[in-house]
Amino acid sequence: MNIFSLLASGLTPMNPDTLKASLKIMWQGLLAIFIVIGLIILAVQLTKFCVNKAESAKKAREAKKAASDASAPHSDGEAR
């Protein structure tokens, strides 16, 4: 295609209407990208929080069990 066929069809390289439509599509796409990135960051932080909380609960359970095992007498009557 040459420039004359573009001009004849109304698709000029700097048509203000198509430029406005293109910019509208562009900012909507960029906004969508940032929203998705934000959701990914939120999901990662939530997963990290849940894993840390589960690990601390597991350590607390293990410490409680170790303390109860240490205080419970054996069958021969001695404490560990």
PDB file of N, CA and C in Angstrom:
ATOM      1  N   MET A   1       0.831  -1.187   0.000  1.00  0.00           N
ATOM      2  CA  MET A   1       0.000   0.000   0.000  1.00  0.00           C
ATOM      3  C   MET A   1       0.872   1.245   0.000  1.00  0.00           C
ATOM      4  N   ASN A   2       0.413   2.198  -0.677  1.00  0.00           N
ATOM      5  CA  ASN A   2       1.125   3.468  -0.646  1.00  0.00           C
ATOM      6  C   ASN A   2       0.317   4.491   0.137  1.00  0.00           C
ATOM      7  N   ILE A   3       0.884   5.628   0.348  1.00  0.00           N
ATOM      8  CA  ILE A   3       0.266   6.664   1.173  1.00  0.00           C
ATOM      9  C   ILE A   3      -1.044   7.173   0.574  1.00  0.00           C
ATOM     10  N   PHE A   4      -1.162   7.121  -0.752  1.00  0.00           N
ATOM     11  CA  PHE A   4      -2.376   7.621  -1.398  1.00  0.00           C
ATOM     12  C   PHE A   4      -3.565   6.707  -1.129  1.00  0.00           C
ATOM     13  N   SER A   5      -3.328   5.406  -1.068  1.00  0.00           N
ATOM     14  CA  SER A   5      -4.444   4.503  -0.772  1.00  0.00           C
ATOM     15  C   SER A   5      -4.873   4.647   0.695  1.00  0.00           C
ATOM     16  N   LEU A   6      -3.901   4.931   1.597  1.00  0.00           N
ATOM     17  CA  LEU A   6      -4.261   5.177   2.989  1.00  0.00           C
ATOM     18  C   LEU A   6      -5.083   6.448   3.122  1.00  0.00           C
ATOM     19  N   LEU A   7      -4.674   7.479   2.411  1.00  0.00           N
ATOM     20  CA  LEU A   7      -5.416   8.744   2.469  1.00  0.00           C
ATOM     21  C   LEU A   7      -6.817   8.584   1.892  1.00  0.00           C
ATOM     22  N   ALA A   8      -6.933   7.799   0.851  1.00  0.00           N
ATOM     23  CA  ALA A   8      -8.232   7.612   0.212  1.00  0.00           C
ATOM     24  C   ALA A   8      -9.177   6.833   1.133  1.00  0.00           C
ATOM     25  N   SER A   9      -8.649   5.922   1.916  1.00  0.00           N
ATOM     26  CA  SER A   9      -9.513   5.116   2.779  1.00  0.00           C
ATOM     27  C   SER A   9      -9.818   5.799   4.107  1.00  0.00           C
ATOM     28  N   GLY A  10      -9.207   6.932   4.368  1.00  0.00           N
ATOM     29  CA  GLY A  10      -9.460   7.642   5.609  1.00  0.00           C
ATOM     30  C   GLY A  10      -8.553   7.207   6.749  1.00  0.00           C
ATOM     31  N   LEU A  11      -7.570   6.377   6.498  1.00  0.00           N
ATOM     32  CA  LEU A  11      -6.639   5.926   7.531  1.00  0.00           C
ATOM     33  C   LEU A  11      -5.342   6.721   7.453  1.00  0.00           C
ATOM     34  N   THR A  12      -5.445   7.987   7.765  1.00  0.00           N
ATOM     35  CA  THR A  12      -4.246   8.806   7.747  1.00  0.00           C
ATOM     36  C   THR A  12      -3.388   8.467   8.953  1.00  0.00           C
ATOM     37  N   PRO A  13      -2.101   8.602   8.837  1.00  0.00           N
ATOM     38  CA  PRO A  13      -1.221   8.249   9.950  1.00  0.00           C
ATOM     39  C   PRO A  13      -1.473   9.066  11.214  1.00  0.00           C
ATOM     40  N   MET A  14      -1.939  10.298  11.100  1.00  0.00           N
ATOM     41  CA  MET A  14      -2.166  11.141  12.270  1.00  0.00           C
ATOM     42  C   MET A  14      -3.615  11.595  12.350  1.00  0.00           C
ATOM     43  N   ASN A  15      -4.526  10.670  12.176  1.00  0.00           N
ATOM     44  CA  ASN A  15      -5.937  11.002  12.306  1.00  0.00           C
ATOM     45  C   ASN A  15      -6.241  11.182  13.799  1.00  0.00           C
ATOM     46  N   PRO A  16      -6.724  12.342  14.219  1.00  0.00           N
ATOM     47  CA  PRO A  16      -6.965  12.592  15.645  1.00  0.00           C
ATOM     48  C   PRO A  16      -7.971  11.624  16.275  1.00  0.00           C
ATOM     49  N   ASP A  17      -8.954  11.202  15.518  1.00  0.00           N
ATOM     50  CA  ASP A  17      -9.947  10.285  16.073  1.00  0.00           C
ATOM     51  C   ASP A  17      -9.344   8.916  16.359  1.00  0.00           C
ATOM     52  N   THR A  18      -8.538   8.419  15.426  1.00  0.00           N
ATOM     53  CA  THR A  18      -7.912   7.116  15.668  1.00  0.00           C
ATOM     54  C   THR A  18      -6.846   7.216  16.753  1.00  0.00           C
ATOM     55  N   LEU A  19      -6.188   8.373  16.853  1.00  0.00           N
ATOM     56  CA  LEU A  19      -5.199   8.565  17.911  1.00  0.00           C
ATOM     57  C   LEU A  19      -5.878   8.536  19.280  1.00  0.00           C
ATOM     58  N   LYS A  20      -7.033   9.201  19.411  1.00  0.00           N
ATOM     59  CA  LYS A  20      -7.768   9.191  20.671  1.00  0.00           C
ATOM     60  C   LYS A  20      -8.229   7.778  21.029  1.00  0.00           C
ATOM     61  N   ALA A  21      -8.714   7.049  20.027  1.00  0.00           N
ATOM     62  CA  ALA A  21      -9.169   5.681  20.279  1.00  0.00           C
ATOM     63  C   ALA A  21      -7.992   4.792  20.681  1.00  0.00           C
ATOM     64  N   SER A  22      -6.862   4.992  20.027  1.00  0.00           N
ATOM     65  CA  SER A  22      -5.676   4.201  20.355  1.00  0.00           C
ATOM     66  C   SER A  22      -5.180   4.500  21.759  1.00  0.00           C
ATOM     67  N   LEU A  23      -5.160   5.776  22.133  1.00  0.00           N
ATOM     68  CA  LEU A  23      -4.724   6.133  23.485  1.00  0.00           C
ATOM     69  C   LEU A  23      -5.679   5.594  24.548  1.00  0.00           C
ATOM     70  N   LYS A  24      -6.978   5.578  24.244  1.00  0.00           N
ATOM     71  CA  LYS A  24      -7.958   5.030  25.173  1.00  0.00           C
ATOM     72  C   LYS A  24      -7.702   3.538  25.396  1.00  0.00           C
ATOM     73  N   ILE A  25      -7.485   2.819  24.325  1.00  0.00           N
ATOM     74  CA  ILE A  25      -7.194   1.385  24.433  1.00  0.00           C
ATOM     75  C   ILE A  25      -5.879   1.173  25.165  1.00  0.00           C
ATOM     76  N   MET A  26      -4.899   2.027  24.900  1.00  0.00           N
ATOM     77  CA  MET A  26      -3.589   1.872  25.529  1.00  0.00           C
ATOM     78  C   MET A  26      -3.678   2.086  27.040  1.00  0.00           C
ATOM     79  N   TRP A  27      -4.352   3.124  27.524  1.00  0.00           N
ATOM     80  CA  TRP A  27      -4.384   3.350  28.974  1.00  0.00           C
ATOM     81  C   TRP A  27      -5.217   2.280  29.667  1.00  0.00           C
ATOM     82  N   GLN A  28      -6.228   1.760  28.996  1.00  0.00           N
ATOM     83  CA  GLN A  28      -7.007   0.677  29.594  1.00  0.00           C
ATOM     84  C   GLN A  28      -6.159  -0.590  29.718  1.00  0.00           C
ATOM     85  N   GLY A  29      -5.350  -0.866  28.709  1.00  0.00           N
ATOM     86  CA  GLY A  29      -4.466  -2.024  28.759  1.00  0.00           C
ATOM     87  C   GLY A  29      -3.403  -1.884  29.834  1.00  0.00           C
ATOM     88  N   LEU A  30      -2.823  -0.687  29.956  1.00  0.00           N
ATOM     89  CA  LEU A  30      -1.819  -0.460  30.990  1.00  0.00           C
ATOM     90  C   LEU A  30      -2.427  -0.570  32.389  1.00  0.00           C
ATOM     91  N   LEU A  31      -3.624  -0.053  32.554  1.00  0.00           N
ATOM     92  CA  LEU A  31      -4.309  -0.165  33.838  1.00  0.00           C
ATOM     93  C   LEU A  31      -4.565  -1.629  34.184  1.00  0.00           C
ATOM     94  N   ALA A  32      -4.992  -2.399  33.197  1.00  0.00           N
ATOM     95  CA  ALA A  32      -5.239  -3.819  33.426  1.00  0.00           C
ATOM     96  C   ALA A  32      -3.947  -4.540  33.821  1.00  0.00           C
ATOM     97  N   ILE A  33      -2.837  -4.201  33.190  1.00  0.00           N
ATOM     98  CA  ILE A  33      -1.549  -4.813  33.522  1.00  0.00           C
ATOM     99  C   ILE A  33      -1.180  -4.495  34.965  1.00  0.00           C
ATOM    100  N   PHE A  34      -1.307  -3.245  35.387  1.00  0.00           N
ATOM    101  CA  PHE A  34      -0.957  -2.864  36.751  1.00  0.00           C
ATOM    102  C   PHE A  34      -1.874  -3.524  37.776  1.00  0.00           C
ATOM    103  N   ILE A  35      -3.150  -3.666  37.440  1.00  0.00           N
ATOM    104  CA  ILE A  35      -4.077  -4.337  38.355  1.00  0.00           C
ATOM    105  C   ILE A  35      -3.686  -5.800  38.525  1.00  0.00           C
ATOM    106  N   VAL A  36      -3.356  -6.468  37.429  1.00  0.00           N
ATOM    107  CA  VAL A  36      -2.952  -7.876  37.505  1.00  0.00           C
ATOM    108  C   VAL A  36      -1.656  -8.023  38.294  1.00  0.00           C
ATOM    109  N   ILE A  37      -0.700  -7.134  38.070  1.00  0.00           N
ATOM    110  CA  ILE A  37       0.555  -7.184  38.830  1.00  0.00           C
ATOM    111  C   ILE A  37       0.266  -6.985  40.312  1.00  0.00           C
ATOM    112  N   GLY A  38      -0.610  -6.045  40.642  1.00  0.00           N
ATOM    113  CA  GLY A  38      -0.981  -5.823  42.038  1.00  0.00           C
ATOM    114  C   GLY A  38      -1.640  -7.045  42.655  1.00  0.00           C
ATOM    115  N   LEU A  39      -2.508  -7.718  41.902  1.00  0.00           N
ATOM    116  CA  LEU A  39      -3.149  -8.935  42.411  1.00  0.00           C
ATOM    117  C   LEU A  39      -2.134 -10.050  42.632  1.00  0.00           C
ATOM    118  N   ILE A  40      -1.158 -10.161  41.748  1.00  0.00           N
ATOM    119  CA  ILE A  40      -0.109 -11.168  41.915  1.00  0.00           C
ATOM    120  C   ILE A  40       0.707 -10.869  43.167  1.00  0.00           C
ATOM    121  N   ILE A  41       1.067  -9.607  43.361  1.00  0.00           N
ATOM    122  CA  ILE A  41       1.828  -9.218  44.563  1.00  0.00           C
ATOM    123  C   ILE A  41       1.007  -9.518  45.813  1.00  0.00           C
ATOM    124  N   LEU A  42      -0.280  -9.204  45.792  1.00  0.00           N
ATOM    125  CA  LEU A  42      -1.151  -9.473  46.931  1.00  0.00           C
ATOM    126  C   LEU A  42      -1.236 -10.973  47.221  1.00  0.00           C
ATOM    127  N   ALA A  43      -1.363 -11.774  46.184  1.00  0.00           N
ATOM    128  CA  ALA A  43      -1.448 -13.232  46.371  1.00  0.00           C
ATOM    129  C   ALA A  43      -0.155 -13.784  46.962  1.00  0.00           C
ATOM    130  N   VAL A  44       0.991 -13.282  46.503  1.00  0.00           N
ATOM    131  CA  VAL A  44       2.276 -13.748  47.028  1.00  0.00           C
ATOM    132  C   VAL A  44       2.430 -13.355  48.496  1.00  0.00           C
ATOM    133  N   GLN A  45       2.064 -12.134  48.842  1.00  0.00           N
ATOM    134  CA  GLN A  45       2.179 -11.678  50.224  1.00  0.00           C
ATOM    135  C   GLN A  45       1.232 -12.468  51.136  1.00  0.00           C
ATOM    136  N   LEU A  46       0.027 -12.741  50.663  1.00  0.00           N
ATOM    137  CA  LEU A  46      -0.928 -13.520  51.449  1.00  0.00           C
ATOM    138  C   LEU A  46      -0.414 -14.942  51.661  1.00  0.00           C
ATOM    139  N   THR A  47       0.153 -15.538  50.636  1.00  0.00           N
ATOM    140  CA  THR A  47       0.720 -16.883  50.758  1.00  0.00           C
ATOM    141  C   THR A  47       1.883 -16.879  51.739  1.00  0.00           C
ATOM    142  N   LYS A  48       2.737 -15.872  51.645  1.00  0.00           N
ATOM    143  CA  LYS A  48       3.879 -15.767  52.563  1.00  0.00           C
ATOM    144  C   LYS A  48       3.399 -15.625  54.004  1.00  0.00           C
ATOM    145  N   PHE A  49       2.376 -14.809  54.232  1.00  0.00           N
ATOM    146  CA  PHE A  49       1.822 -14.621  55.564  1.00  0.00           C
ATOM    147  C   PHE A  49       1.264 -15.931  56.109  1.00  0.00           C
ATOM    148  N   CYS A  50       0.508 -16.652  55.284  1.00  0.00           N
ATOM    149  CA  CYS A  50      -0.093 -17.916  55.728  1.00  0.00           C
ATOM    150  C   CYS A  50       0.970 -18.963  56.034  1.00  0.00           C
ATOM    151  N   VAL A  51       2.002 -19.033  55.231  1.00  0.00           N
ATOM    152  CA  VAL A  51       3.078 -20.005  55.468  1.00  0.00           C
ATOM    153  C   VAL A  51       3.805 -19.671  56.760  1.00  0.00           C
ATOM    154  N   ASN A  52       4.113 -18.407  56.978  1.00  0.00           N
ATOM    155  CA  ASN A  52       4.789 -18.013  58.223  1.00  0.00           C
ATOM    156  C   ASN A  52       3.926 -18.310  59.444  1.00  0.00           C
ATOM    157  N   LYS A  53       2.635 -18.046  59.343  1.00  0.00           N
ATOM    158  CA  LYS A  53       1.732 -18.313  60.463  1.00  0.00           C
ATOM    159  C   LYS A  53       1.643 -19.809  60.733  1.00  0.00           C
ATOM    160  N   ALA A  54       1.581 -20.630  59.696  1.00  0.00           N
ATOM    161  CA  ALA A  54       1.518 -22.084  59.864  1.00  0.00           C
ATOM    162  C   ALA A  54       2.812 -22.614  60.475  1.00  0.00           C
ATOM    163  N   GLU A  55       3.949 -22.067  60.039  1.00  0.00           N
ATOM    164  CA  GLU A  55       5.233 -22.510  60.603  1.00  0.00           C
ATOM    165  C   GLU A  55       5.337 -22.146  62.080  1.00  0.00           C
ATOM    166  N   SER A  56       4.895 -20.963  62.458  1.00  0.00           N
ATOM    167  CA  SER A  56       4.967 -20.569  63.869  1.00  0.00           C
ATOM    168  C   SER A  56       4.001 -21.404  64.713  1.00  0.00           C
ATOM    169  N   ALA A  57       2.838 -21.736  64.171  1.00  0.00           N
ATOM    170  CA  ALA A  57       1.893 -22.589  64.902  1.00  0.00           C
ATOM    171  C   ALA A  57       2.474 -23.991  65.065  1.00  0.00           C
ATOM    172  N   LYS A  58       3.152 -24.490  64.038  1.00  0.00           N
ATOM    173  CA  LYS A  58       3.766 -25.815  64.123  1.00  0.00           C
ATOM    174  C   LYS A  58       4.871 -25.828  65.175  1.00  0.00           C
ATOM    175  N   LYS A  59       5.684 -24.779  65.198  1.00  0.00           N
ATOM    176  CA  LYS A  59       6.750 -24.696  66.207  1.00  0.00           C
ATOM    177  C   LYS A  59       6.158 -24.617  67.611  1.00  0.00           C
ATOM    178  N   ALA A  60       5.064 -23.882  67.760  1.00  0.00           N
ATOM    179  CA  ALA A  60       4.419 -23.765  69.068  1.00  0.00           C
ATOM    180  C   ALA A  60       3.863 -25.122  69.511  1.00  0.00           C
ATOM    181  N   ARG A  61       3.243 -25.856  68.593  1.00  0.00           N
ATOM    182  CA  ARG A  61       2.735 -27.188  68.927  1.00  0.00           C
ATOM    183  C   ARG A  61       3.865 -28.130  69.322  1.00  0.00           C
ATOM    184  N   GLU A  62       4.980 -28.079  68.567  1.00  0.00           N
ATOM    185  CA  GLU A  62       6.117 -28.940  68.880  1.00  0.00           C
ATOM    186  C   GLU A  62       6.714 -28.590  70.241  1.00  0.00           C
ATOM    187  N   ALA A  63       6.803 -27.303  70.544  1.00  0.00           N
ATOM    188  CA  ALA A  63       7.347 -26.888  71.839  1.00  0.00           C
ATOM    189  C   ALA A  63       6.415 -27.314  72.965  1.00  0.00           C
ATOM    190  N   LYS A  64       5.116 -27.193  72.759  1.00  0.00           N
ATOM    191  CA  LYS A  64       4.141 -27.608  73.779  1.00  0.00           C
ATOM    192  C   LYS A  64       4.217 -29.115  73.994  1.00  0.00           C
ATOM    193  N   LYS A  65       4.349 -29.864  72.913  1.00  0.00           N
ATOM    194  CA  LYS A  65       4.439 -31.322  73.030  1.00  0.00           C
ATOM    195  C   LYS A  65       5.727 -31.719  73.734  1.00  0.00           C
ATOM    196  N   ALA A  66       6.832 -31.060  73.402  1.00  0.00           N
ATOM    197  CA  ALA A  66       8.115 -31.368  74.044  1.00  0.00           C
ATOM    198  C   ALA A  66       8.048 -31.045  75.534  1.00  0.00           C
ATOM    199  N   ALA A  67       7.381 -29.962  75.897  1.00  0.00           N
ATOM    200  CA  ALA A  67       7.257 -29.600  77.307  1.00  0.00           C
ATOM    201  C   ALA A  67       6.386 -30.600  78.050  1.00  0.00           C
ATOM    202  N   SER A  68       5.310 -31.048  77.422  1.00  0.00           N
ATOM    203  CA  SER A  68       4.443 -32.026  78.098  1.00  0.00           C
ATOM    204  C   SER A  68       5.122 -33.388  78.178  1.00  0.00           C
ATOM    205  N   ASP A  69       5.932 -33.744  77.172  1.00  0.00           N
ATOM    206  CA  ASP A  69       6.671 -35.007  77.217  1.00  0.00           C
ATOM    207  C   ASP A  69       7.744 -34.968  78.291  1.00  0.00           C
ATOM    208  N   ALA A  70       8.351 -33.836  78.490  1.00  0.00           N
ATOM    209  CA  ALA A  70       9.416 -33.712  79.483  1.00  0.00           C
ATOM    210  C   ALA A  70       8.849 -33.763  80.897  1.00  0.00           C
ATOM    211  N   SER A  71       7.632 -33.276  81.083  1.00  0.00           N
ATOM    212  CA  SER A  71       7.060 -33.255  82.429  1.00  0.00           C
ATOM    213  C   SER A  71       6.302 -34.538  82.760  1.00  0.00           C
ATOM    214  N   ALA A  72       5.953 -35.340  81.771  1.00  0.00           N
ATOM    215  CA  ALA A  72       5.211 -36.582  82.023  1.00  0.00           C
ATOM    216  C   ALA A  72       6.167 -37.654  82.542  1.00  0.00           C
ATOM    217  N   PRO A  73       5.819 -38.361  83.618  1.00  0.00           N
ATOM    218  CA  PRO A  73       6.696 -39.413  84.147  1.00  0.00           C
ATOM    219  C   PRO A  73       6.673 -40.650  83.258  1.00  0.00           C
ATOM    220  N   HIS A  74       7.800 -41.369  83.271  1.00  0.00           N
ATOM    221  CA  HIS A  74       7.894 -42.631  82.520  1.00  0.00           C
ATOM    222  C   HIS A  74       7.224 -43.740  83.299  1.00  0.00           C
ATOM    223  N   SER A  75       7.216 -44.891  82.715  1.00  0.00           N
ATOM    224  CA  SER A  75       6.626 -46.040  83.368  1.00  0.00           C
ATOM    225  C   SER A  75       7.407 -46.461  84.611  1.00  0.00           C
ATOM    226  N   ASP A  76       8.730 -46.100  84.662  1.00  0.00           N
ATOM    227  CA  ASP A  76       9.523 -46.440  85.856  1.00  0.00           C
ATOM    228  C   ASP A  76       9.456 -45.345  86.906  1.00  0.00           C
ATOM    229  N   GLY A  77       8.654 -44.309  86.685  1.00  0.00           N
ATOM    230  CA  GLY A  77       8.450 -43.297  87.684  1.00  0.00           C
ATOM    231  C   GLY A  77       9.405 -42.132  87.630  1.00  0.00           C
ATOM    232  N   GLU A  78      10.343 -42.108  86.714  1.00  0.00           N
ATOM    233  CA  GLU A  78      11.299 -41.010  86.601  1.00  0.00           C
ATOM    234  C   GLU A  78      10.863 -40.047  85.510  1.00  0.00           C
ATOM    235  N   ALA A  79      11.173 -38.793  85.711  1.00  0.00           N
ATOM    236  CA  ALA A  79      10.894 -37.789  84.694  1.00  0.00           C
ATOM    237  C   ALA A  79      12.059 -37.763  83.711  1.00  0.00           C
ATOM    238  N   ARG A  80      11.773 -37.405  82.509  1.00  0.00           N
ATOM    239  CA  ARG A  80      12.821 -37.320  81.488  1.00  0.00           C
ATOM    240  C   ARG A  80      13.669 -36.108  81.691  1.00  0.00           C
TER     241      ARG A  80
END
